[in-house]
C-alpha atoms as a PDB file:
ATOM      1  CA  MET A   1      -1.651   9.881 -10.531  1.00  0.00           C
ATOM      2  CA  THR A   2      -4.945   8.060 -10.976  1.00  0.00           C
ATOM      3  CA  ARG A   3      -6.403   5.579  -8.496  1.00  0.00           C
ATOM      4  CA  ASP A   4      -5.800   2.786 -11.035  1.00  0.00           C
ATOM      5  CA  GLU A   5      -2.128   3.759 -11.373  1.00  0.00           C
ATOM      6  CA  VAL A   6      -1.782   3.757  -7.586  1.00  0.00           C
ATOM      7  CA  ALA A   7      -3.415   0.321  -7.432  1.00  0.00           C
ATOM      8  CA  GLU A   8      -1.081  -1.114 -10.071  1.00  0.00           C
ATOM      9  CA  GLN A   9       2.044   0.187  -8.323  1.00  0.00           C
ATOM     10  CA  LEU A  10       0.769  -1.066  -4.972  1.00  0.00           C
ATOM     11  CA  ARG A  11      -0.044  -4.474  -6.498  1.00  0.00           C
ATOM     12  CA  THR A  12       3.590  -4.731  -7.559  1.00  0.00           C
ATOM     13  CA  ILE A  13       4.796  -3.723  -4.079  1.00  0.00           C
ATOM     14  CA  PHE A  14       2.480  -6.114  -2.241  1.00  0.00           C
ATOM     15  CA  ALA A  15       3.418  -8.979  -4.571  1.00  0.00           C
ATOM     16  CA  ALA A  16       7.150  -8.363  -4.120  1.00  0.00           C
ATOM     17  CA  VAL A  17       7.096  -7.902  -0.340  1.00  0.00           C
ATOM     18  CA  LEU A  18       4.688 -10.758   0.353  1.00  0.00           C
ATOM     19  CA  GLN A  19       6.215 -12.996  -2.339  1.00  0.00           C
ATOM     20  CA  LEU A  20       2.935 -13.454  -4.196  1.00  0.00           C
ATOM     21  CA  SER A  21       2.053 -13.340  -7.855  1.00  0.00           C
ATOM     22  CA  PRO A  22       0.500  -9.996  -8.825  1.00  0.00           C
ATOM     23  CA  GLU A  23      -2.686 -11.877  -9.727  1.00  0.00           C
ATOM     24  CA  ALA A  24      -2.948 -13.069  -6.114  1.00  0.00           C
ATOM     25  CA  VAL A  25      -3.102  -9.476  -4.852  1.00  0.00           C
ATOM     26  CA  GLY A  26      -6.817  -8.677  -4.753  1.00  0.00           C
ATOM     27  CA  PRO A  27      -8.944  -6.051  -3.023  1.00  0.00           C
ATOM     28  CA  GLU A  28      -9.536  -8.110   0.113  1.00  0.00           C
ATOM     29  CA  LEU A  29      -5.937  -9.275   0.600  1.00  0.00           C
ATOM     30  CA  SER A  30      -5.224  -8.810   4.300  1.00  0.00           C
ATOM     31  CA  PRO A  31      -3.219 -10.261   7.177  1.00  0.00           C
ATOM     32  CA  ASP A  32      -6.220 -12.537   7.778  1.00  0.00           C
ATOM     33  CA  THR A  33      -6.133 -13.945   4.242  1.00  0.00           C
ATOM     34  CA  CYS A  34      -2.363 -13.964   3.660  1.00  0.00           C
ATOM     35  CA  GLU A  35      -0.130 -15.908   6.020  1.00  0.00           C
ATOM     36  CA  ALA A  36       2.959 -14.000   4.845  1.00  0.00           C
ATOM     37  CA  TRP A  37       1.473 -10.626   5.880  1.00  0.00           C
ATOM     38  CA  ASP A  38       2.780 -10.487   9.428  1.00  0.00           C
ATOM     39  CA  SER A  39       3.963  -7.476  11.442  1.00  0.00           C
ATOM     40  CA  LEU A  40       7.468  -7.521   9.952  1.00  0.00           C
ATOM     41  CA  HIS A  41       6.133  -7.677   6.402  1.00  0.00           C
ATOM     42  CA  HIS A  42       3.732  -4.836   7.232  1.00  0.00           C
ATOM     43  CA  ILE A  43       6.728  -2.676   8.156  1.00  0.00           C
ATOM     44  CA  HIS A  44       8.417  -3.647   4.877  1.00  0.00           C
ATOM     45  CA  LEU A  45       5.221  -2.803   2.972  1.00  0.00           C
ATOM     46  CA  MET A  46       5.008   0.647   4.557  1.00  0.00           C
ATOM     47  CA  SER A  47       8.667   1.355   3.841  1.00  0.00           C
ATOM     48  CA  ALA A  48       8.319   0.270   0.206  1.00  0.00           C
ATOM     49  CA  ILE A  49       5.174   2.389  -0.191  1.00  0.00           C
ATOM     50  CA  ASP A  50       6.890   5.467   1.248  1.00  0.00           C
ATOM     51  CA  GLU A  51       9.939   4.976  -0.954  1.00  0.00           C
ATOM     52  CA  THR A  52       8.042   4.198  -4.163  1.00  0.00           C
ATOM     53  CA  PHE A  53       5.568   7.068  -3.910  1.00  0.00           C
ATOM     54  CA  GLY A  54       7.875   9.600  -2.224  1.00  0.00           C
ATOM     55  CA  ILE A  55       5.496  10.057   0.705  1.00  0.00           C
ATOM     56  CA  THR A  56       5.628   9.503   4.440  1.00  0.00           C
ATOM     57  CA  LEU A  57       2.571   7.794   5.874  1.00  0.00           C
ATOM     58  CA  ASP A  58       1.939   8.623   9.511  1.00  0.00           C
ATOM     59  CA  ILE A  59       1.350   5.864  12.049  1.00  0.00           C
ATOM     60  CA  GLU A  60      -2.448   6.207  11.846  1.00  0.00           C
ATOM     61  CA  GLN A  61      -2.350   5.770   8.079  1.00  0.00           C
ATOM     62  CA  GLN A  62      -0.033   2.772   8.400  1.00  0.00           C
ATOM     63  CA  ILE A  63      -2.384   1.121  10.890  1.00  0.00           C
ATOM     64  CA  GLU A  64      -5.381   1.861   8.640  1.00  0.00           C
ATOM     65  CA  ILE A  65      -3.928  -0.271   5.835  1.00  0.00           C
ATOM     66  CA  LEU A  66      -5.580  -3.562   6.795  1.00  0.00           C
ATOM     67  CA  THR A  67      -6.378  -4.679   3.236  1.00  0.00           C
ATOM     68  CA  PHE A  68      -4.950  -4.041  -0.200  1.00  0.00           C
ATOM     69  CA  ASN A  69      -8.019  -1.932  -1.034  1.00  0.00           C
ATOM     70  CA  LEU A  70      -7.516   0.241   2.044  1.00  0.00           C
ATOM     71  CA  GLY A  71      -3.885   0.649   1.005  1.00  0.00           C
ATOM     72  CA  VAL A  72      -4.996   2.007  -2.350  1.00  0.00           C
ATOM     73  CA  GLU A  73      -7.377   4.462  -0.664  1.00  0.00           C
ATOM     74  CA  VAL A  74      -4.844   5.690   1.912  1.00  0.00           C
ATOM     75  CA  VAL A  75      -2.043   6.161  -0.618  1.00  0.00           C
ATOM     76  CA  TYR A  76      -4.312   7.781  -3.206  1.00  0.00           C
ATOM     77  CA  GLU A  77      -5.664  10.249  -0.633  1.00  0.00           C
ATOM     78  CA  GLU A  78      -2.150  11.028   0.610  1.00  0.00           C
ATOM     79  CA  LEU A  79      -0.977  11.701  -2.935  1.00  0.00           C
ATOM     80  CA  GLN A  80      -3.988  13.945  -3.565  1.00  0.00           C
ATOM     81  CA  GLY A  81      -3.171  15.888  -0.394  1.00  0.00           C
ATOM     82  CA  ALA A  82       0.458  16.232  -1.453  1.00  0.00           C
ATOM     83  CA  ASP A  83      -0.628  17.522  -4.884  1.00  0.00           C
ATOM     84  CA  ALA A  84      -2.915  20.080  -3.236  1.00  0.00           C
ATOM     85  CA  VAL A  85       0.010  21.406  -1.204  1.00  0.00           C
ATOM     86  CA  GLY A  86       2.207  21.475  -4.279  1.00  0.00           C
ATOM     87  CA  VAL A  87       4.672  18.809  -3.171  1.00  0.00           C
END
Protein backbone atom coordinates (compact mmCIF):
# COMPACT_ATOMS: atom_id res chain seq x y z
CA MET A 1 0.00 0.00 0.00
CA THR A 2 1.36 3.41 -0.93
CA ARG A 3 1.62 6.37 1.44
CA ASP A 4 -1.11 8.14 -0.58
CA GLU A 5 -3.44 5.15 -0.23
CA VAL A 6 -2.81 5.09 3.52
CA ALA A 7 -3.54 8.82 3.71
CA GLU A 8 -6.81 8.47 1.81
CA GLN A 9 -8.04 5.63 4.03
CA LEU A 10 -6.99 7.52 7.15
CA ARG A 11 -8.74 10.68 5.88
CA THR A 12 -11.95 8.66 5.66
CA ILE A 13 -11.45 7.27 9.18
CA PHE A 14 -10.63 10.64 10.74
CA ALA A 15 -13.61 12.28 9.00
CA ALA A 16 -16.01 9.57 10.17
CA VAL A 17 -14.79 9.38 13.77
CA LEU A 18 -14.46 13.14 14.25
CA GLN A 19 -17.60 13.90 12.22
CA LEU A 20 -15.78 16.16 9.77
CA SER A 21 -15.91 16.46 6.01
CA PRO A 22 -12.97 14.67 4.36
CA GLU A 23 -11.84 18.05 3.01
CA ALA A 24 -11.48 19.30 6.60
CA VAL A 25 -8.94 16.57 7.38
CA GLY A 26 -5.58 18.16 6.59
CA PRO A 27 -1.97 17.41 7.52
CA GLU A 28 -1.98 19.53 10.66
CA LEU A 29 -5.33 18.33 12.04
CA SER A 30 -4.72 17.67 15.73
CA PRO A 31 -6.43 17.75 19.12
CA ASP A 32 -5.31 21.39 19.31
CA THR A 33 -7.06 22.32 16.06
CA CYS A 34 -10.12 20.06 16.31
CA GLU A 35 -12.42 20.37 19.30
CA ALA A 36 -13.96 16.94 18.60
CA TRP A 37 -10.57 15.18 18.91
CA ASP A 38 -10.65 14.42 22.61
CA SER A 39 -9.31 11.38 24.48
CA LEU A 40 -12.39 9.26 23.79
CA HIS A 41 -12.31 10.05 20.08
CA HIS A 42 -8.58 9.25 20.05
CA ILE A 43 -9.40 5.76 21.35
CA HIS A 44 -12.06 5.39 18.64
CA LEU A 45 -9.55 6.56 16.01
CA MET A 46 -6.97 3.99 17.11
CA SER A 47 -9.55 1.20 17.12
CA ALA A 48 -10.79 2.14 13.64
CA ILE A 49 -7.21 2.31 12.34
CA ASP A 50 -6.37 -1.12 13.76
CA GLU A 51 -9.54 -2.64 12.33
CA THR A 52 -9.30 -1.01 8.90
CA PHE A 53 -5.64 -1.81 8.29
CA GLY A 54 -5.52 -5.15 10.14
CA ILE A 55 -2.72 -3.98 12.42
CA THR A 56 -2.25 -3.47 16.13
CA LEU A 57 -0.56 -0.21 17.06
CA ASP A 58 1.29 -0.35 20.36
CA ILE A 59 0.72 2.31 23.00
CA GLU A 60 3.80 4.30 21.95
CA GLN A 61 2.57 4.44 18.37
CA GLN A 62 -0.91 5.46 19.52
CA ILE A 63 0.53 8.29 21.61
CA GLU A 64 2.74 9.41 18.70
CA ILE A 65 -0.31 10.13 16.53
CA LEU A 66 -0.75 13.79 17.48
CA THR A 67 -1.65 15.02 13.98
CA PHE A 68 -3.19 13.52 10.89
CA ASN A 69 0.22 13.64 9.18
CA LEU A 70 1.85 11.72 12.03
CA GLY A 71 -0.96 9.18 11.75
CA VAL A 72 -0.11 8.62 8.11
CA GLU A 73 3.58 8.15 8.95
CA VAL A 74 2.97 5.76 11.86
CA VAL A 75 0.48 3.60 9.95
CA TYR A 76 2.57 3.56 6.77
CA GLU A 77 5.68 2.50 8.70
CA GLU A 78 3.73 -0.18 10.57
CA LEU A 79 2.37 -1.56 7.31
CA GLN A 80 5.87 -1.57 5.80
CA GLY A 81 7.14 -3.49 8.83
CA ALA A 82 4.29 -5.98 8.54
CA ASP A 83 5.07 -6.50 4.84
CA ALA A 84 8.74 -7.11 5.65
CA VAL A 85 7.75 -9.84 8.10
CA GLY A 86 5.36 -11.34 5.58
CA VAL A 87 2.15 -10.64 7.49
